[in-house]
Amino acid sequence: MTTATATWIGSISVLLWGTLALLTKLTGGHIPEFQLMAMTFTIAFLLMLARWLRAGHTGIRFARQSAFAWCIGVIGLFGYHFAYFKAMTLAPAVEVSLLAYLWPLFIVLFSALLPGESLRPQHIAGAVMALVGCWLLIGRNISGFSAENLDGYLVAFACALMWSSYSVLSRLVKSVPTDAVGWFCGVTAVLAWVCHLMWEPTVWPSNGSQWVGVIGLGLGPVGIAFFTWDYGVKHGNIQLLGTLAYSAPLISVVLLIAAGFGEATVAVVGASILIVVGSLTAGMNENPRGSEAEEIKNSKGGLYSVLNSDDKT
């Protein structure tokens, strides 16, 4: 499978994350955060379990990964969400979202440290443009940062570092199959259930639309999205995926407007233009012929063949 195809697979995650706000709205907003996290990650694990059972096994072999891979997976999935929910309790939601959404930019920057990767000017320019668009979109109702919320800001900043680190470090364990993410989701679900039982009251969905929201979250933004993202960042253009991730809040706003939960404004239009132009800029290839030749050259042997061989085991 080519890098371009893997990138398109990874971009499915961005589309699914764009449905997050609408599906969360359907849940009614009354389900405690850790309970909702536990329910949706349980669904994600069951989704992968169904895939394993259909293939005639229980997926146990995918749980046999290195401690390093397990740390990346669990800290990335559980650590990010734990820190995000904690930040929400310490600072206003808008400011937390603005800081947490630094992770796509960090992916673009950190990816330069990966073997065989390079950071080009258009990657930085595109990511910064998309970041400005994202901040314009999320922060249009911001009242301003305050020193009294510093703890929350720091935790939100840690969110961005955790998810970007998870995405970039996943590239170092390319031989770990995406099926292993199913086990990472399972452990994340268990940890979330523990946090819920310790700190929250239990509130179950009370009607069909709320259950649709919960199941939709578990199948899409929490389920399939994490699986396609894992494949994309391991085998695709990670810089482009980082920039494309800024489209998620834009998709969220568009869907909310279409569903009657919001209205189009000048800020939304301006953010749309910046995010689209930023994504196109980051996707520019300075030397397409050279890149294509290099990919063909790598596909003939060497490390490329070894990694592909590992992926199939």
Protein backbone atom coordinates (compact mmCIF):
# COMPACT_ATOMS: atom_id res chain seq x y z
CA MET A 1 0.00 0.00 0.00
CA THR A 2 1.36 3.41 -0.97
CA THR A 3 2.00 6.35 1.33
CA ALA A 4 -0.81 8.29 -0.36
CA THR A 5 -3.33 5.50 0.29
CA ALA A 6 -2.27 5.25 3.94
CA THR A 7 -2.68 9.02 4.26
CA TRP A 8 -6.21 8.84 2.89
CA ILE A 9 -7.00 6.07 5.36
CA GLY A 10 -5.67 8.26 8.18
CA SER A 11 -7.77 11.19 6.99
CA ILE A 12 -10.91 9.11 7.66
CA SER A 13 -10.19 9.76 11.34
CA VAL A 14 -10.42 13.52 10.80
CA LEU A 15 -13.84 13.14 9.19
CA LEU A 16 -15.04 10.94 12.04
CA TRP A 17 -13.64 13.31 14.70
CA GLY A 18 -15.63 16.01 12.97
CA THR A 19 -18.84 14.21 14.06
CA LEU A 20 -17.74 14.28 17.72
CA ALA A 21 -19.61 17.46 18.71
CA LEU A 22 -22.88 16.45 17.03
CA LEU A 23 -22.86 12.93 18.49
CA THR A 24 -21.95 14.29 21.92
CA LYS A 25 -24.89 16.70 21.58
CA LEU A 26 -27.17 13.70 20.92
CA THR A 27 -26.08 12.08 24.20
CA GLY A 28 -27.87 14.90 26.01
CA GLY A 29 -24.82 16.21 27.85
CA HIS A 30 -25.83 14.58 31.13
CA ILE A 31 -23.62 11.49 31.10
CA PRO A 32 -20.50 12.01 33.27
CA GLU A 33 -17.26 12.37 31.30
CA PHE A 34 -15.47 9.24 32.50
CA GLN A 35 -18.62 7.13 32.17
CA LEU A 36 -19.05 8.31 28.58
CA MET A 37 -15.37 7.63 27.93
CA ALA A 38 -15.69 4.14 29.45
CA MET A 39 -18.81 3.30 27.44
CA THR A 40 -17.41 4.48 24.12
CA PHE A 41 -14.03 2.78 24.52
CA THR A 42 -15.82 -0.42 25.51
CA ILE A 43 -17.76 -0.23 22.25
CA ALA A 44 -14.50 0.38 20.37
CA PHE A 45 -12.97 -2.74 21.94
CA LEU A 46 -16.08 -4.80 21.13
CA LEU A 47 -15.88 -3.54 17.54
CA MET A 48 -12.36 -4.91 17.19
CA LEU A 49 -13.32 -8.09 19.07
CA ALA A 50 -16.05 -8.70 16.50
CA ARG A 51 -13.41 -8.41 13.76
CA TRP A 52 -11.22 -10.99 15.53
CA LEU A 53 -14.08 -13.44 16.11
CA ARG A 54 -15.10 -13.12 12.46
CA ALA A 55 -11.52 -14.06 11.55
CA GLY A 56 -11.78 -17.12 13.80
CA HIS A 57 -9.67 -16.06 16.81
CA THR A 58 -9.86 -13.95 19.97
CA GLY A 59 -7.07 -11.52 19.12
CA ILE A 60 -4.86 -12.61 22.02
CA ARG A 61 -1.81 -12.61 19.78
CA PHE A 62 -2.23 -8.88 19.18
CA ALA A 63 -1.92 -8.24 22.91
CA ARG A 64 1.64 -9.59 22.90
CA GLN A 65 3.41 -6.30 22.27
CA SER A 66 6.47 -4.66 23.81
CA ALA A 67 6.19 -2.58 26.98
CA PHE A 68 7.15 0.44 24.87
CA ALA A 69 4.21 -0.11 22.50
CA TRP A 70 1.83 -0.60 25.42
CA CYS A 71 3.03 2.62 27.06
CA ILE A 72 2.55 4.56 23.85
CA GLY A 73 -0.94 3.16 23.35
CA VAL A 74 -2.36 3.44 26.85
CA ILE A 75 -0.77 6.79 27.74
CA GLY A 76 -1.85 8.17 24.37
CA LEU A 77 -5.48 7.05 24.57
CA PHE A 78 -6.20 7.14 28.30
CA GLY A 79 -3.68 9.82 29.31
CA TYR A 80 -4.90 12.32 26.74
CA HIS A 81 -8.57 11.96 27.66
CA PHE A 82 -7.86 11.98 31.39
CA ALA A 83 -5.84 15.19 31.08
CA TYR A 84 -8.46 16.78 28.82
CA PHE A 85 -11.31 16.13 31.25
CA LYS A 86 -9.16 17.35 34.13
CA ALA A 87 -8.29 20.55 32.26
CA MET A 88 -12.00 21.17 31.69
CA THR A 89 -12.52 21.23 35.46
CA LEU A 90 -9.70 23.73 35.99
CA ALA A 91 -10.23 26.24 33.17
CA PRO A 92 -12.95 27.46 30.76
CA ALA A 93 -13.76 25.04 27.94
CA VAL A 94 -12.88 27.43 25.10
CA GLU A 95 -9.38 28.17 26.39
CA VAL A 96 -8.79 24.47 27.08
CA SER A 97 -9.84 23.59 23.53
CA LEU A 98 -7.56 26.23 22.03
CA LEU A 99 -4.52 24.89 23.89
CA ALA A 100 -5.38 21.22 23.46
CA TYR A 101 -5.67 21.76 19.72
CA LEU A 102 -2.00 22.56 19.45
CA TRP A 103 -1.43 18.83 18.92
CA PRO A 104 -1.67 18.89 15.10
CA LEU A 105 1.03 21.58 14.95
CA PHE A 106 3.20 19.57 17.36
CA ILE A 107 2.80 16.51 15.13
CA VAL A 108 4.11 18.48 12.17
CA LEU A 109 7.07 19.77 14.20
CA PHE A 110 7.93 16.55 16.09
CA SER A 111 7.73 14.45 12.93
CA ALA A 112 10.98 16.06 11.77
CA LEU A 113 12.72 14.01 14.48
CA LEU A 114 11.60 10.72 12.95
CA PRO A 115 14.02 8.62 10.87
CA GLY A 116 13.64 9.35 7.17
CA GLU A 117 11.37 12.37 7.70
CA SER A 118 12.10 16.01 6.94
CA LEU A 119 10.28 19.22 7.80
CA ARG A 120 9.70 21.48 4.80
CA PRO A 121 8.68 25.16 4.86
CA GLN A 122 5.24 24.39 3.43
CA HIS A 123 4.55 21.97 6.29
CA ILE A 124 5.13 24.70 8.87
CA ALA A 125 3.31 27.38 6.85
CA GLY A 126 0.30 25.13 6.24
CA ALA A 127 0.10 24.00 9.86
CA VAL A 128 0.32 27.57 11.19
CA MET A 129 -2.40 28.79 8.78
CA ALA A 130 -4.67 25.93 9.78
CA LEU A 131 -3.91 26.62 13.47
CA VAL A 132 -4.96 30.26 13.08
CA GLY A 133 -8.14 29.10 11.37
CA CYS A 134 -8.84 26.62 14.15
CA TRP A 135 -8.28 29.24 16.85
CA LEU A 136 -10.51 31.68 14.97
CA LEU A 137 -13.22 29.02 14.84
CA ILE A 138 -13.02 27.81 18.44
CA GLY A 139 -12.06 31.11 20.07
CA ARG A 140 -14.65 33.43 18.55
CA ASN A 141 -16.43 33.61 21.93
CA ILE A 142 -13.31 33.65 24.08
CA SER A 143 -13.27 36.07 27.01
CA GLY A 144 -9.50 36.01 27.43
CA PHE A 145 -6.88 33.94 29.22
CA SER A 146 -6.54 34.46 32.97
CA ALA A 147 -3.61 33.73 35.28
CA GLU A 148 -5.96 32.15 37.82
CA ASN A 149 -6.63 29.32 35.36
CA LEU A 150 -2.94 28.58 34.81
CA ASP A 151 -3.21 25.03 36.19
CA GLY A 152 -5.90 24.20 33.66
CA TYR A 153 -3.91 25.75 30.82
CA LEU A 154 -0.86 23.65 31.70
CA VAL A 155 -2.91 20.46 31.79
CA ALA A 156 -4.49 21.36 28.44
CA PHE A 157 -1.02 21.98 27.02
CA ALA A 158 -0.04 18.52 28.33
CA CYS A 159 -2.99 17.12 26.35
CA ALA A 160 -1.50 18.48 23.15
CA LEU A 161 1.90 17.05 24.00
CA MET A 162 0.47 13.61 24.84
CA TRP A 163 -1.58 13.13 21.69
CA SER A 164 1.09 14.50 19.37
CA SER A 165 3.70 12.30 21.07
CA TYR A 166 1.42 9.27 20.77
CA SER A 167 0.93 9.94 17.06
CA VAL A 168 4.61 10.52 16.29
CA LEU A 169 6.00 7.74 18.50
CA SER A 170 3.59 5.28 16.88
CA ARG A 171 5.75 5.67 13.79
CA LEU A 172 8.60 4.00 15.71
CA VAL A 173 6.52 0.85 16.23
CA LYS A 174 5.26 0.44 12.67
CA SER A 175 5.49 -3.33 12.99
CA VAL A 176 2.79 -3.29 15.71
CA PRO A 177 -0.44 -4.10 13.84
CA THR A 178 -3.43 -1.79 14.12
CA ASP A 179 -5.37 -4.66 15.72
CA ALA A 180 -3.31 -4.07 18.86
CA VAL A 181 -5.07 -0.71 19.24
CA GLY A 182 -8.15 -2.75 20.09
CA TRP A 183 -6.39 -3.93 23.25
CA PHE A 184 -5.24 -0.39 24.05
CA CYS A 185 -8.90 0.67 23.79
CA GLY A 186 -9.89 -2.19 26.09
CA VAL A 187 -7.41 -1.17 28.80
CA THR A 188 -8.44 2.47 28.40
CA ALA A 189 -12.07 1.43 28.92
CA VAL A 190 -11.18 -0.44 32.14
CA LEU A 191 -9.24 2.54 33.51
CA ALA A 192 -12.10 4.88 32.60
CA TRP A 193 -14.62 2.64 34.39
CA VAL A 194 -12.39 2.73 37.48
CA CYS A 195 -12.22 6.55 37.38
CA HIS A 196 -15.97 6.74 36.87
CA LEU A 197 -16.78 4.48 39.82
CA MET A 198 -14.38 6.42 42.04
CA TRP A 199 -15.43 9.98 41.23
CA GLU A 200 -18.76 10.11 39.38
CA PRO A 201 -22.42 9.16 39.76
CA THR A 202 -23.77 6.79 37.12
CA VAL A 203 -26.22 8.28 34.62
CA TRP A 204 -27.46 5.99 31.85
CA PRO A 205 -28.94 7.29 28.57
CA SER A 206 -32.67 7.80 29.01
CA ASN A 207 -33.93 7.64 25.42
CA GLY A 208 -33.14 6.30 21.97
CA SER A 209 -31.38 9.39 20.63
CA GLN A 210 -28.98 9.40 23.58
CA TRP A 211 -28.12 5.76 22.96
CA VAL A 212 -27.60 6.59 19.27
CA GLY A 213 -25.13 9.27 20.35
CA VAL A 214 -23.21 6.94 22.66
CA ILE A 215 -23.08 4.06 20.17
CA GLY A 216 -22.19 6.45 17.35
CA LEU A 217 -19.29 7.83 19.39
CA GLY A 218 -18.04 4.33 20.17
CA LEU A 219 -18.20 3.17 16.57
CA GLY A 220 -16.92 6.33 14.88
CA PRO A 221 -14.83 9.02 16.63
CA VAL A 222 -13.61 6.61 19.33
CA GLY A 223 -13.67 3.32 17.44
CA ILE A 224 -12.87 3.34 13.74
CA ALA A 225 -11.15 6.74 13.99
CA PHE A 226 -8.42 5.49 16.33
CA PHE A 227 -7.81 2.45 14.13
CA THR A 228 -7.53 4.41 10.88
CA TRP A 229 -5.40 7.09 12.61
CA ASP A 230 -2.98 4.43 13.83
CA TYR A 231 -2.53 3.11 10.30
CA GLY A 232 -2.25 6.58 8.81
CA VAL A 233 0.43 7.94 11.15
CA LYS A 234 2.44 4.72 10.85
CA HIS A 235 2.43 4.44 7.07
CA GLY A 236 1.18 7.75 5.61
CA ASN A 237 2.29 11.37 5.29
CA ILE A 238 2.29 12.32 8.96
CA GLN A 239 2.90 16.04 8.35
CA LEU A 240 -0.11 16.28 6.04
CA LEU A 241 -2.27 14.30 8.48
CA GLY A 242 -1.28 16.69 11.25
CA THR A 243 -2.44 19.66 9.21
CA LEU A 244 -5.61 17.95 7.99
CA ALA A 245 -6.53 17.34 11.64
CA TYR A 246 -7.42 21.03 11.90
CA SER A 247 -10.39 20.27 9.66
CA ALA A 248 -12.09 18.32 12.48
CA PRO A 249 -13.42 21.37 14.40
CA LEU A 250 -14.51 22.89 11.08
CA ILE A 251 -16.46 19.75 10.18
CA SER A 252 -17.97 19.80 13.68
CA VAL A 253 -19.22 23.37 13.28
CA VAL A 254 -20.61 22.69 9.78
CA LEU A 255 -22.51 19.62 11.02
CA LEU A 256 -23.88 21.53 14.01
CA ILE A 257 -25.05 24.33 11.71
CA ALA A 258 -26.65 21.81 9.33
CA ALA A 259 -28.42 20.16 12.29
CA GLY A 260 -29.76 23.50 13.49
CA PHE A 261 -27.51 23.85 16.53
CA GLY A 262 -25.56 26.84 15.22
CA GLU A 263 -25.36 29.50 12.52
CA ALA A 264 -22.85 30.48 9.85
CA THR A 265 -20.79 33.57 10.73
CA VAL A 266 -17.92 35.56 9.25
CA ALA A 267 -15.59 33.78 11.71
CA VAL A 268 -16.71 30.38 10.41
CA VAL A 269 -16.15 31.41 6.78
CA GLY A 270 -12.73 32.92 7.56
CA ALA A 271 -11.68 29.84 9.53
CA SER A 272 -12.83 27.60 6.68
CA ILE A 273 -10.65 29.44 4.18
CA LEU A 274 -7.57 29.36 6.43
CA ILE A 275 -7.92 25.66 7.24
CA VAL A 276 -8.47 24.66 3.61
CA VAL A 277 -5.61 26.81 2.31
CA GLY A 278 -3.35 25.59 5.12
CA SER A 279 -4.12 21.96 4.29
CA LEU A 280 -3.48 22.52 0.59
CA THR A 281 -0.19 24.27 1.40
CA ALA A 282 1.00 21.45 3.64
CA GLY A 283 0.06 18.93 0.96
CA MET A 284 2.22 20.57 -1.69
CA ASN A 285 5.12 18.46 -2.90
CA GLU A 286 8.23 20.39 -3.85
CA ASN A 287 9.62 17.60 -5.97
CA PRO A 288 6.89 15.11 -6.88
CA ARG A 289 9.03 13.23 -9.39
CA GLY A 290 11.84 12.83 -6.90
CA SER A 291 9.48 11.71 -4.16
CA GLU A 292 7.81 9.20 -6.43
CA ALA A 293 11.16 7.82 -7.54
CA GLU A 294 12.31 7.51 -3.95
CA GLU A 295 9.14 5.64 -2.96
CA ILE A 296 9.58 3.22 -5.86
CA LYS A 297 13.22 2.75 -4.93
CA ASN A 298 12.38 2.04 -1.29
CA SER A 299 9.64 -0.40 -2.25
CA LYS A 300 12.17 -2.67 -3.93
CA GLY A 301 13.84 -3.77 -0.74
CA GLY A 302 15.70 -2.71 2.36
CA LEU A 303 13.96 -1.44 5.44
CA TYR A 304 10.68 -0.94 3.56
CA SER A 305 10.46 -4.66 2.81
CA VAL A 306 11.39 -5.62 6.35
CA LEU A 307 8.66 -3.40 7.84
CA ASN A 308 6.07 -4.74 5.41
CA SER A 309 7.08 -8.26 6.33
CA ASP A 310 6.64 -7.46 10.03
CA ASP A 311 3.21 -5.99 9.45
CA LYS A 312 1.96 -9.24 7.99
CA THR A 313 2.99 -11.40 10.91
